[in-house]
Amino acid sequence: MSLSLGIVLVVAAIVLAAVVVLIPGAPAVPLERRRPFRTESDSQLTRFAGFAVQGLEQGLAKRNIRYFNREALENAGLRLSQADFLLLVLIGSLVGGLVGLIVAGPLLAVLLLIAAPFVGQMVLKVLTDKRRAKFGDQLGDTLQLLSGSLRAGHSILRAIDAAANESQAPTSEEMRRVVSETSLGRDLLVSLNDTAARMKSEDFVWISQAIQINREVGGNLAEVLDQVNETIRERNEIKGHIKALAAEGKFSAYILMALPFGIAVMLMLVSPGYMDKLFTTVLGWVMVIASAIMMTIGGLWMRKIIDLKF
C-alpha cells in the first residue's frame, strides 16, 4: 500500500514539474520598468549642502537673525531661503579669502572675507533694482492687457489674472501674487498698494488709485487706464532722454571711483612690497583713512550731481 502511494506521489511530482516547465511563464519585467519613479540617491555633496543649510536654518532661528530676510530675497527675484543665500555668501567668502591669500597675502584675504556679506547685500540690491526697472518697463504692456480684458467684458480681477498669464516676469509674478492674495480674502486695493510699495513704482500707484476711484464713483475703467498708459509712456520717454544725457556723467563717476582701487590692485600684483608703508606706518594709515573719507565725500557729491529727480 505504501509502495503504491509512493509511486503515485512520484508520478504526480513528475507531471507537475513537466507542467511548470512546459507552460510559458509571465515575461520578465526589468527592475527599472517595475519602479519607474525610483530616483537615484543623492550625492555626497548634495547631502552635505542639505545638512549645512539645515544647520544654518536652526542656528538662525534660535538667534532670530534676519540678515538676508525673505522679503529682500523675494524682491530680488531669488527663490532661496535665508540659509541658502547665507551659505552661498559663506562659500564666496572662503573662496575670496583663499584667492586673496594666494595672490597678495593675508591682508587682502582678510579684506575679502570681511567684504563678502556686503557684496551679498550689494548683489541683492542690484537684482532688486533691475527687477523693479523691468517691472516699470513692462507697465505699459500690462495696462494695455488690462484695458483689453476690461473691454472684452471681464472683471478687474479676471483682467489682472489674464495679465499674469500673458506677461513676463516680474510682472507675471506680481500680478499672480495679487490674484492669490485676493482669492484668500484680502482686499484688491490693499494688494495693489502693497505691490506698488514693493516695486517702488509711482506709476503703479496711479493704476491703483484709478481702480479705487472707479470702484467708488464708477465709469469706464478701460478708458481711464488708457489715459494713464499714455501718461506713463510719455514719462518713460522723458526718462529715457534724461538717462541718455546723464549717462556720460555717470560713466565718468564710475571710472573716477574705481581708478584708485584698480591702481592699488595692479601695484599689489606687480610689486607686492611697493605699498607696504601705507599699512605698516602711522602716516600711511592716516593717508589711507583720509583718502577713504575724501573718496566717500567725492562719491556722494558726484551721485548728487548725476541723480536727477523729475
C-alpha atoms as a PDB file:
ATOM      1  CA  MET A   1       0.000   0.000   0.000  1.00  0.00           C
ATOM      2  CA  SER A   2       2.730   2.410   0.933  1.00  0.00           C
ATOM      3  CA  LEU A   3       4.677   1.419  -2.205  1.00  0.00           C
ATOM      4  CA  SER A   4       1.694   2.251  -4.428  1.00  0.00           C
ATOM      5  CA  LEU A   5       1.216   5.583  -2.638  1.00  0.00           C
ATOM      6  CA  GLY A   6       4.871   6.420  -3.170  1.00  0.00           C
ATOM      7  CA  ILE A   7       4.691   5.604  -6.877  1.00  0.00           C
ATOM      8  CA  VAL A   8       1.596   7.815  -7.250  1.00  0.00           C
ATOM      9  CA  LEU A   9       3.306  10.759  -5.496  1.00  0.00           C
ATOM     10  CA  VAL A  10       6.433  10.423  -7.656  1.00  0.00           C
ATOM     11  CA  VAL A  11       4.338  10.343 -10.854  1.00  0.00           C
ATOM     12  CA  ALA A  12       2.372  13.411  -9.658  1.00  0.00           C
ATOM     13  CA  ALA A  13       5.606  15.311  -8.940  1.00  0.00           C
ATOM     14  CA  ILE A  14       6.955  14.459 -12.386  1.00  0.00           C
ATOM     15  CA  VAL A  15       3.722  15.623 -14.058  1.00  0.00           C
ATOM     16  CA  LEU A  16       3.680  18.846 -12.010  1.00  0.00           C
ATOM     17  CA  ALA A  17       7.293  19.584 -12.943  1.00  0.00           C
ATOM     18  CA  ALA A  18       6.522  18.970 -16.613  1.00  0.00           C
ATOM     19  CA  VAL A  19       3.543  21.350 -16.445  1.00  0.00           C
ATOM     20  CA  VAL A  20       5.624  24.074 -14.825  1.00  0.00           C
ATOM     21  CA  VAL A  21       8.396  23.696 -17.379  1.00  0.00           C
ATOM     22  CA  LEU A  22       6.205  23.430 -20.470  1.00  0.00           C
ATOM     23  CA  ILE A  23       3.679  26.203 -19.670  1.00  0.00           C
ATOM     24  CA  PRO A  24       5.198  29.593 -20.614  1.00  0.00           C
ATOM     25  CA  GLY A  25       5.579  31.900 -17.658  1.00  0.00           C
ATOM     26  CA  ALA A  26       4.950  35.625 -17.431  1.00  0.00           C
ATOM     27  CA  PRO A  27       7.530  37.749 -19.253  1.00  0.00           C
ATOM     28  CA  ALA A  28      10.266  39.111 -17.038  1.00  0.00           C
ATOM     29  CA  VAL A  29       9.968  42.884 -16.446  1.00  0.00           C
ATOM     30  CA  PRO A  30      13.154  44.858 -15.827  1.00  0.00           C
ATOM     31  CA  LEU A  31      13.536  46.441 -12.420  1.00  0.00           C
ATOM     32  CA  GLU A  32      13.668  49.970 -13.804  1.00  0.00           C
ATOM     33  CA  ARG A  33      10.321  49.392 -15.568  1.00  0.00           C
ATOM     34  CA  ARG A  34       8.679  47.977 -12.465  1.00  0.00           C
ATOM     35  CA  ARG A  35       9.860  51.031 -10.485  1.00  0.00           C
ATOM     36  CA  PRO A  36       9.528  53.895 -12.959  1.00  0.00           C
ATOM     37  CA  PHE A  37       9.560  56.591 -10.267  1.00  0.00           C
ATOM     38  CA  ARG A  38      12.602  55.349  -8.416  1.00  0.00           C
ATOM     39  CA  THR A  39      15.101  58.178  -8.054  1.00  0.00           C
ATOM     40  CA  GLU A  40      18.808  57.819  -7.669  1.00  0.00           C
ATOM     41  CA  SER A  41      20.371  58.511  -4.304  1.00  0.00           C
ATOM     42  CA  ASP A  42      21.740  61.972  -3.672  1.00  0.00           C
ATOM     43  CA  SER A  43      25.426  62.583  -3.977  1.00  0.00           C
ATOM     44  CA  GLN A  44      27.671  63.290  -1.015  1.00  0.00           C
ATOM     45  CA  LEU A  45      27.903  66.975  -1.994  1.00  0.00           C
ATOM     46  CA  THR A  46      24.106  67.313  -2.138  1.00  0.00           C
ATOM     47  CA  ARG A  47      23.679  65.691   1.266  1.00  0.00           C
ATOM     48  CA  PHE A  48      26.413  67.866   2.764  1.00  0.00           C
ATOM     49  CA  ALA A  49      24.792  71.015   1.350  1.00  0.00           C
ATOM     50  CA  GLY A  50      21.429  69.930   2.743  1.00  0.00           C
ATOM     51  CA  PHE A  51      22.904  69.335   6.206  1.00  0.00           C
ATOM     52  CA  ALA A  52      24.694  72.699   6.074  1.00  0.00           C
ATOM     53  CA  VAL A  53      21.523  74.568   5.101  1.00  0.00           C
ATOM     54  CA  GLN A  54      19.531  72.774   7.799  1.00  0.00           C
ATOM     55  CA  GLY A  55      22.141  73.646  10.425  1.00  0.00           C
ATOM     56  CA  LEU A  56      22.170  77.295   9.343  1.00  0.00           C
ATOM     57  CA  GLU A  57      18.378  77.467   9.469  1.00  0.00           C
ATOM     58  CA  GLN A  58      18.322  76.090  13.010  1.00  0.00           C
ATOM     59  CA  GLY A  59      21.078  78.462  14.143  1.00  0.00           C
ATOM     60  CA  LEU A  60      19.388  81.494  12.578  1.00  0.00           C
ATOM     61  CA  ALA A  61      16.029  80.529  14.091  1.00  0.00           C
ATOM     62  CA  LYS A  62      17.489  80.178  17.588  1.00  0.00           C
ATOM     63  CA  ARG A  63      19.231  83.565  17.436  1.00  0.00           C
ATOM     64  CA  ASN A  64      16.424  85.265  15.460  1.00  0.00           C
ATOM     65  CA  ILE A  65      18.854  86.597  12.855  1.00  0.00           C
ATOM     66  CA  ARG A  66      17.342  88.173   9.726  1.00  0.00           C
ATOM     67  CA  TYR A  67      20.372  89.461   7.828  1.00  0.00           C
ATOM     68  CA  PHE A  68      19.063  88.333   4.425  1.00  0.00           C
ATOM     69  CA  ASN A  69      15.349  88.378   5.106  1.00  0.00           C
ATOM     70  CA  ARG A  70      12.741  86.692   2.961  1.00  0.00           C
ATOM     71  CA  GLU A  71      11.273  89.950   1.679  1.00  0.00           C
ATOM     72  CA  ALA A  72      14.634  91.130   0.320  1.00  0.00           C
ATOM     73  CA  LEU A  73      15.216  87.800  -1.428  1.00  0.00           C
ATOM     74  CA  GLU A  74      11.725  87.873  -2.953  1.00  0.00           C
ATOM     75  CA  ASN A  75      12.177  91.450  -4.162  1.00  0.00           C
ATOM     76  CA  ALA A  76      15.407  90.370  -5.829  1.00  0.00           C
ATOM     77  CA  GLY A  77      13.565  87.542  -7.595  1.00  0.00           C
ATOM     78  CA  LEU A  78      15.514  84.766  -5.845  1.00  0.00           C
ATOM     79  CA  ARG A  79      13.735  81.569  -4.863  1.00  0.00           C
ATOM     80  CA  LEU A  80      16.111  80.932  -1.987  1.00  0.00           C
ATOM     81  CA  SER A  81      15.760  80.878   1.757  1.00  0.00           C
ATOM     82  CA  GLN A  82      17.919  82.977   4.037  1.00  0.00           C
ATOM     83  CA  ALA A  83      20.034  79.934   4.908  1.00  0.00           C
ATOM     84  CA  ASP A  84      20.581  79.065   1.228  1.00  0.00           C
ATOM     85  CA  PHE A  85      21.766  82.549   0.361  1.00  0.00           C
ATOM     86  CA  LEU A  86      23.879  82.816   3.509  1.00  0.00           C
ATOM     87  CA  LEU A  87      25.578  79.532   2.626  1.00  0.00           C
ATOM     88  CA  LEU A  88      26.416  80.925  -0.826  1.00  0.00           C
ATOM     89  CA  VAL A  89      27.837  84.068   0.803  1.00  0.00           C
ATOM     90  CA  LEU A  90      29.985  81.977   3.156  1.00  0.00           C
ATOM     91  CA  ILE A  91      31.294  79.891   0.265  1.00  0.00           C
ATOM     92  CA  GLY A  92      32.071  83.041  -1.705  1.00  0.00           C
ATOM     93  CA  SER A  93      33.816  84.492   1.348  1.00  0.00           C
ATOM     94  CA  LEU A  94      36.026  81.420   1.732  1.00  0.00           C
ATOM     95  CA  VAL A  95      36.863  81.339  -1.980  1.00  0.00           C
ATOM     96  CA  GLY A  96      37.665  85.057  -1.960  1.00  0.00           C
ATOM     97  CA  GLY A  97      39.843  84.652   1.128  1.00  0.00           C
ATOM     98  CA  LEU A  98      41.804  81.812  -0.472  1.00  0.00           C
ATOM     99  CA  VAL A  99      42.293  83.793  -3.693  1.00  0.00           C
ATOM    100  CA  GLY A 100      43.407  86.856  -1.749  1.00  0.00           C
ATOM    101  CA  LEU A 101      45.807  84.770   0.333  1.00  0.00           C
ATOM    102  CA  ILE A 102      47.363  83.231  -2.778  1.00  0.00           C
ATOM    103  CA  VAL A 103      47.541  86.476  -4.761  1.00  0.00           C
ATOM    104  CA  ALA A 104      48.553  89.148  -2.258  1.00  0.00           C
ATOM    105  CA  GLY A 105      48.819  87.675   1.227  1.00  0.00           C
ATOM    106  CA  PRO A 106      46.823  87.748   4.468  1.00  0.00           C
ATOM    107  CA  LEU A 107      45.742  91.408   4.253  1.00  0.00           C
ATOM    108  CA  LEU A 108      43.797  91.024   1.021  1.00  0.00           C
ATOM    109  CA  ALA A 109      42.419  87.698   2.257  1.00  0.00           C
ATOM    110  CA  VAL A 110      41.011  89.318   5.410  1.00  0.00           C
ATOM    111  CA  LEU A 111      39.566  92.193   3.376  1.00  0.00           C
ATOM    112  CA  LEU A 112      37.811  89.805   1.002  1.00  0.00           C
ATOM    113  CA  LEU A 113      36.473  87.741   3.897  1.00  0.00           C
ATOM    114  CA  ILE A 114      35.017  90.845   5.542  1.00  0.00           C
ATOM    115  CA  ALA A 115      33.674  92.218   2.264  1.00  0.00           C
ATOM    116  CA  ALA A 116      31.666  89.082   1.356  1.00  0.00           C
ATOM    117  CA  PRO A 117      28.483  89.953   3.362  1.00  0.00           C
ATOM    118  CA  PHE A 118      28.486  93.493   1.953  1.00  0.00           C
ATOM    119  CA  VAL A 119      28.927  92.088  -1.537  1.00  0.00           C
ATOM    120  CA  GLY A 120      25.924  89.835  -0.878  1.00  0.00           C
ATOM    121  CA  GLN A 121      23.822  92.833   0.115  1.00  0.00           C
ATOM    122  CA  MET A 122      25.037  94.696  -2.960  1.00  0.00           C
ATOM    123  CA  VAL A 123      24.069  91.780  -5.204  1.00  0.00           C
ATOM    124  CA  LEU A 124      20.589  91.742  -3.691  1.00  0.00           C
ATOM    125  CA  LYS A 125      20.243  95.484  -4.223  1.00  0.00           C
ATOM    126  CA  VAL A 126      21.389  95.273  -7.848  1.00  0.00           C
ATOM    127  CA  LEU A 127      18.997  92.404  -8.584  1.00  0.00           C
ATOM    128  CA  THR A 128      16.152  94.225  -6.852  1.00  0.00           C
ATOM    129  CA  ASP A 129      16.780  97.431  -8.797  1.00  0.00           C
ATOM    130  CA  LYS A 130      16.936  95.512 -12.082  1.00  0.00           C
ATOM    131  CA  ARG A 131      13.707  93.700 -11.272  1.00  0.00           C
ATOM    132  CA  ARG A 132      11.916  96.944 -10.376  1.00  0.00           C
ATOM    133  CA  ALA A 133      13.204  98.647 -13.512  1.00  0.00           C
ATOM    134  CA  LYS A 134      11.987  95.738 -15.632  1.00  0.00           C
ATOM    135  CA  PHE A 135       8.604  95.918 -13.914  1.00  0.00           C
ATOM    136  CA  GLY A 136       8.373  99.602 -14.784  1.00  0.00           C
ATOM    137  CA  ASP A 137       9.323  98.946 -18.415  1.00  0.00           C
ATOM    138  CA  GLN A 138       6.580  96.304 -18.705  1.00  0.00           C
ATOM    139  CA  LEU A 139       3.929  98.517 -17.142  1.00  0.00           C
ATOM    140  CA  GLY A 140       2.709  99.941 -20.457  1.00  0.00           C
ATOM    141  CA  ASP A 141       2.068  96.474 -21.893  1.00  0.00           C
ATOM    142  CA  THR A 142       0.400  95.456 -18.628  1.00  0.00           C
ATOM    143  CA  LEU A 143      -2.017  98.372 -18.832  1.00  0.00           C
ATOM    144  CA  GLN A 144      -2.801  97.509 -22.424  1.00  0.00           C
ATOM    145  CA  LEU A 145      -3.639  93.937 -21.393  1.00  0.00           C
ATOM    146  CA  LEU A 146      -5.834  95.176 -18.547  1.00  0.00           C
ATOM    147  CA  SER A 147      -7.778  97.613 -20.692  1.00  0.00           C
ATOM    148  CA  GLY A 148      -8.209  94.998 -23.442  1.00  0.00           C
ATOM    149  CA  SER A 149      -9.594  92.445 -20.970  1.00  0.00           C
ATOM    150  CA  LEU A 150     -11.958  95.043 -19.494  1.00  0.00           C
ATOM    151  CA  ARG A 151     -13.264  95.908 -22.963  1.00  0.00           C
ATOM    152  CA  ALA A 152     -13.870  92.193 -23.538  1.00  0.00           C
ATOM    153  CA  GLY A 153     -16.255  92.218 -20.565  1.00  0.00           C
ATOM    154  CA  HIS A 154     -14.040  90.710 -17.865  1.00  0.00           C
ATOM    155  CA  SER A 155     -13.909  91.953 -14.295  1.00  0.00           C
ATOM    156  CA  ILE A 156     -10.839  93.733 -12.993  1.00  0.00           C
ATOM    157  CA  LEU A 157      -9.696  90.651 -11.077  1.00  0.00           C
ATOM    158  CA  ARG A 158     -10.098  88.477 -14.165  1.00  0.00           C
ATOM    159  CA  ALA A 159      -8.191  91.104 -16.170  1.00  0.00           C
ATOM    160  CA  ILE A 160      -5.345  91.002 -13.654  1.00  0.00           C
ATOM    161  CA  ASP A 161      -5.330  87.208 -13.889  1.00  0.00           C
ATOM    162  CA  ALA A 162      -5.102  87.442 -17.687  1.00  0.00           C
ATOM    163  CA  ALA A 163      -2.227  89.909 -17.358  1.00  0.00           C
ATOM    164  CA  ALA A 164      -0.470  87.460 -15.029  1.00  0.00           C
ATOM    165  CA  ASN A 165      -0.787  84.689 -17.609  1.00  0.00           C
ATOM    166  CA  GLU A 166       0.225  86.776 -20.615  1.00  0.00           C
ATOM    167  CA  SER A 167       3.000  88.924 -19.143  1.00  0.00           C
ATOM    168  CA  GLN A 168       6.609  88.098 -18.468  1.00  0.00           C
ATOM    169  CA  ALA A 169       8.435  88.132 -15.159  1.00  0.00           C
ATOM    170  CA  PRO A 170       8.436  90.091 -12.890  1.00  0.00           C
ATOM    171  CA  THR A 171       5.009  91.452 -13.894  1.00  0.00           C
ATOM    172  CA  SER A 172       3.520  87.959 -14.131  1.00  0.00           C
ATOM    173  CA  GLU A 173       4.817  87.083 -10.658  1.00  0.00           C
ATOM    174  CA  GLU A 174       3.440  90.245  -9.054  1.00  0.00           C
ATOM    175  CA  MET A 175       0.058  90.005 -10.782  1.00  0.00           C
ATOM    176  CA  ARG A 176      -0.244  86.337  -9.822  1.00  0.00           C
ATOM    177  CA  ARG A 177       0.534  87.295  -6.247  1.00  0.00           C
ATOM    178  CA  VAL A 178      -2.255  89.891  -6.299  1.00  0.00           C
ATOM    179  CA  VAL A 179      -4.720  87.285  -7.610  1.00  0.00           C
ATOM    180  CA  SER A 180      -3.645  84.742  -4.978  1.00  0.00           C
ATOM    181  CA  GLU A 181      -3.944  87.224  -2.114  1.00  0.00           C
ATOM    182  CA  THR A 182      -7.361  88.361  -3.323  1.00  0.00           C
ATOM    183  CA  SER A 183      -8.533  84.754  -3.624  1.00  0.00           C
ATOM    184  CA  LEU A 184      -7.543  84.225   0.012  1.00  0.00           C
ATOM    185  CA  GLY A 185      -9.779  87.104   1.126  1.00  0.00           C
ATOM    186  CA  ARG A 186      -7.506  90.133   1.013  1.00  0.00           C
ATOM    187  CA  ASP A 187      -8.846  93.366  -0.423  1.00  0.00           C
ATOM    188  CA  LEU A 188      -7.789  94.012  -4.026  1.00  0.00           C
ATOM    189  CA  LEU A 189      -6.747  97.616  -3.448  1.00  0.00           C
ATOM    190  CA  VAL A 190      -4.588  96.647  -0.459  1.00  0.00           C
ATOM    191  CA  SER A 191      -2.782  94.045  -2.576  1.00  0.00           C
ATOM    192  CA  LEU A 192      -2.268  96.561  -5.396  1.00  0.00           C
ATOM    193  CA  ASN A 193      -0.894  99.173  -2.986  1.00  0.00           C
ATOM    194  CA  ASP A 194       1.463  96.593  -1.489  1.00  0.00           C
ATOM    195  CA  THR A 195       2.681  95.726  -4.989  1.00  0.00           C
ATOM    196  CA  ALA A 196       3.321  99.412  -5.705  1.00  0.00           C
ATOM    197  CA  ALA A 197       5.252  99.785  -2.447  1.00  0.00           C
ATOM    198  CA  ARG A 198       7.223  96.571  -3.050  1.00  0.00           C
ATOM    199  CA  MET A 199       8.172  97.622  -6.574  1.00  0.00           C
ATOM    200  CA  LYS A 200       8.569 101.310  -5.574  1.00  0.00           C
ATOM    201  CA  SER A 201       6.586 102.242  -8.671  1.00  0.00           C
ATOM    202  CA  GLU A 202       4.866 105.606  -8.658  1.00  0.00           C
ATOM    203  CA  ASP A 203       3.191 104.709 -11.945  1.00  0.00           C
ATOM    204  CA  PHE A 204       1.593 101.624 -10.417  1.00  0.00           C
ATOM    205  CA  VAL A 205       0.260 103.822  -7.602  1.00  0.00           C
ATOM    206  CA  TRP A 206      -1.644 105.741 -10.256  1.00  0.00           C
ATOM    207  CA  ILE A 207      -3.124 102.487 -11.546  1.00  0.00           C
ATOM    208  CA  SER A 208      -4.215 101.509  -8.047  1.00  0.00           C
ATOM    209  CA  GLN A 209      -5.752 104.945  -7.475  1.00  0.00           C
ATOM    210  CA  ALA A 210      -7.575 104.765 -10.822  1.00  0.00           C
ATOM    211  CA  ILE A 211      -9.082 101.390  -9.884  1.00  0.00           C
ATOM    212  CA  GLN A 212     -10.050 102.705  -6.449  1.00  0.00           C
ATOM    213  CA  ILE A 213     -11.758 105.784  -7.895  1.00  0.00           C
ATOM    214  CA  ASN A 214     -13.582 103.637 -10.441  1.00  0.00           C
ATOM    215  CA  ARG A 215     -14.870 101.339  -7.704  1.00  0.00           C
ATOM    216  CA  GLU A 216     -16.167 104.349  -5.743  1.00  0.00           C
ATOM    217  CA  VAL A 217     -17.709 106.516  -8.466  1.00  0.00           C
ATOM    218  CA  GLY A 218     -17.977 104.152 -11.451  1.00  0.00           C
ATOM    219  CA  GLY A 219     -17.189 104.957 -15.066  1.00  0.00           C
ATOM    220  CA  ASN A 220     -15.309 103.364 -17.920  1.00  0.00           C
ATOM    221  CA  LEU A 221     -12.186 101.929 -16.318  1.00  0.00           C
ATOM    222  CA  ALA A 222     -10.716 100.836 -19.659  1.00  0.00           C
ATOM    223  CA  GLU A 223     -10.610 104.445 -20.924  1.00  0.00           C
ATOM    224  CA  VAL A 224      -9.097 105.644 -17.643  1.00  0.00           C
ATOM    225  CA  LEU A 225      -6.366 103.020 -17.871  1.00  0.00           C
ATOM    226  CA  ASP A 226      -5.688 104.039 -21.485  1.00  0.00           C
ATOM    227  CA  GLN A 227      -5.174 107.636 -20.369  1.00  0.00           C
ATOM    228  CA  VAL A 228      -2.903 106.501 -17.531  1.00  0.00           C
ATOM    229  CA  ASN A 229      -0.985 104.352 -20.017  1.00  0.00           C
ATOM    230  CA  GLU A 230      -0.466 107.321 -22.329  1.00  0.00           C
ATOM    231  CA  THR A 231       0.808 109.445 -19.444  1.00  0.00           C
ATOM    232  CA  ILE A 232       3.181 106.699 -18.302  1.00  0.00           C
ATOM    233  CA  ARG A 233       4.564 106.251 -21.816  1.00  0.00           C
ATOM    234  CA  GLU A 234       5.251 109.979 -22.102  1.00  0.00           C
ATOM    235  CA  ARG A 235       7.021 109.971 -18.723  1.00  0.00           C
ATOM    236  CA  ASN A 236       9.098 106.958 -19.732  1.00  0.00           C
ATOM    237  CA  GLU A 237      10.119 108.756 -22.916  1.00  0.00           C
ATOM    238  CA  ILE A 238      11.272 111.759 -20.892  1.00  0.00           C
ATOM    239  CA  LYS A 239      13.122 109.393 -18.525  1.00  0.00           C
ATOM    240  CA  GLY A 240      14.942 107.864 -21.476  1.00  0.00           C
ATOM    241  CA  HIS A 241      16.099 111.284 -22.707  1.00  0.00           C
ATOM    242  CA  ILE A 242      17.318 112.260 -19.232  1.00  0.00           C
ATOM    243  CA  LYS A 243      19.177 108.945 -18.767  1.00  0.00           C
ATOM    244  CA  ALA A 244      20.868 109.358 -22.120  1.00  0.00           C
ATOM    245  CA  LEU A 245      22.015 112.873 -21.232  1.00  0.00           C
ATOM    246  CA  ALA A 246      23.259 111.788 -17.783  1.00  0.00           C
ATOM    247  CA  ALA A 247      24.973 108.588 -18.995  1.00  0.00           C
ATOM    248  CA  GLU A 248      28.302 110.324 -19.703  1.00  0.00           C
ATOM    249  CA  GLY A 249      28.431 111.848 -16.229  1.00  0.00           C
ATOM    250  CA  LYS A 250      27.629 108.518 -14.581  1.00  0.00           C
ATOM    251  CA  PHE A 251      30.277 106.702 -16.579  1.00  0.00           C
ATOM    252  CA  SER A 252      32.879 109.311 -15.631  1.00  0.00           C
ATOM    253  CA  ALA A 253      31.894 108.989 -11.965  1.00  0.00           C
ATOM    254  CA  TYR A 254      32.253 105.200 -12.072  1.00  0.00           C
ATOM    255  CA  ILE A 255      35.711 105.467 -13.639  1.00  0.00           C
ATOM    256  CA  LEU A 256      36.909 108.059 -11.118  1.00  0.00           C
ATOM    257  CA  MET A 257      35.676 105.956  -8.179  1.00  0.00           C
ATOM    258  CA  ALA A 258      37.173 102.714  -9.492  1.00  0.00           C
ATOM    259  CA  LEU A 259      40.520 104.191 -10.586  1.00  0.00           C
ATOM    260  CA  PRO A 260      42.242 104.272  -7.140  1.00  0.00           C
ATOM    261  CA  PHE A 261      41.217 100.690  -6.360  1.00  0.00           C
ATOM    262  CA  GLY A 262      42.343  99.500  -9.767  1.00  0.00           C
ATOM    263  CA  ILE A 263      45.740 101.146  -9.381  1.00  0.00           C
ATOM    264  CA  ALA A 264      46.150  99.687  -5.858  1.00  0.00           C
ATOM    265  CA  VAL A 265      45.317  96.152  -7.054  1.00  0.00           C
ATOM    266  CA  MET A 266      47.686  96.495 -10.015  1.00  0.00           C
ATOM    267  CA  LEU A 267      50.533  97.646  -7.764  1.00  0.00           C
ATOM    268  CA  MET A 268      49.909  94.748  -5.355  1.00  0.00           C
ATOM    269  CA  LEU A 269      50.129  92.301  -8.228  1.00  0.00           C
ATOM    270  CA  VAL A 270      53.137  93.842  -9.973  1.00  0.00           C
ATOM    271  CA  SER A 271      55.141  94.865  -6.905  1.00  0.00           C
ATOM    272  CA  PRO A 272      53.691  93.487  -3.656  1.00  0.00           C
ATOM    273  CA  GLY A 273      56.108  95.371  -1.399  1.00  0.00           C
ATOM    274  CA  TYR A 274      55.588  98.769  -3.033  1.00  0.00           C
ATOM    275  CA  MET A 275      52.621  99.728  -0.814  1.00  0.00           C
ATOM    276  CA  ASP A 276      53.818  98.185   2.451  1.00  0.00           C
ATOM    277  CA  LYS A 277      54.486 101.572   4.051  1.00  0.00           C
ATOM    278  CA  LEU A 278      50.820 102.502   3.702  1.00  0.00           C
ATOM    279  CA  PHE A 279      49.874  99.672   6.066  1.00  0.00           C
ATOM    280  CA  THR A 280      52.941  99.471   8.330  1.00  0.00           C
ATOM    281  CA  THR A 281      53.376 103.096   9.411  1.00  0.00           C
ATOM    282  CA  VAL A 282      51.152 105.555  11.240  1.00  0.00           C
ATOM    283  CA  LEU A 283      51.467 108.122   8.458  1.00  0.00           C
ATOM    284  CA  GLY A 284      50.430 105.516   5.918  1.00  0.00           C
ATOM    285  CA  TRP A 285      47.272 104.634   7.853  1.00  0.00           C
ATOM    286  CA  VAL A 286      46.446 108.331   8.215  1.00  0.00           C
ATOM    287  CA  MET A 287      46.751 108.730   4.457  1.00  0.00           C
ATOM    288  CA  VAL A 288      44.556 105.670   3.831  1.00  0.00           C
ATOM    289  CA  ILE A 289      41.841 106.939   6.200  1.00  0.00           C
ATOM    290  CA  ALA A 290      41.984 110.453   4.728  1.00  0.00           C
ATOM    291  CA  SER A 291      41.754 109.033   1.204  1.00  0.00           C
ATOM    292  CA  ALA A 292      38.722 106.922   2.157  1.00  0.00           C
ATOM    293  CA  ILE A 293      36.974 109.949   3.685  1.00  0.00           C
ATOM    294  CA  MET A 294      37.686 112.163   0.654  1.00  0.00           C
ATOM    295  CA  MET A 295      36.586 109.433  -1.772  1.00  0.00           C
ATOM    296  CA  THR A 296      33.344 108.982   0.154  1.00  0.00           C
ATOM    297  CA  ILE A 297      32.631 112.706   0.057  1.00  0.00           C
ATOM    298  CA  GLY A 298      33.505 112.874  -3.629  1.00  0.00           C
ATOM    299  CA  GLY A 299      31.348 109.849  -4.443  1.00  0.00           C
ATOM    300  CA  LEU A 300      28.328 111.283  -2.621  1.00  0.00           C
ATOM    301  CA  TRP A 301      28.885 114.628  -4.340  1.00  0.00           C
ATOM    302  CA  MET A 302      29.026 113.078  -7.809  1.00  0.00           C
ATOM    303  CA  ARG A 303      25.988 110.943  -7.028  1.00  0.00           C
ATOM    304  CA  LYS A 304      24.060 114.046  -6.036  1.00  0.00           C
ATOM    305  CA  ILE A 305      25.026 115.749  -9.292  1.00  0.00           C
ATOM    306  CA  ILE A 306      24.033 112.907 -11.622  1.00  0.00           C
ATOM    307  CA  ASP A 307      20.947 111.720  -9.680  1.00  0.00           C
ATOM    308  CA  LEU A 308      18.278 113.779 -11.425  1.00  0.00           C
ATOM    309  CA  LYS A 309      14.789 113.993  -9.936  1.00  0.00           C
ATOM    310  CA  PHE A 310      11.789 114.509 -12.184  1.00  0.00           C
END
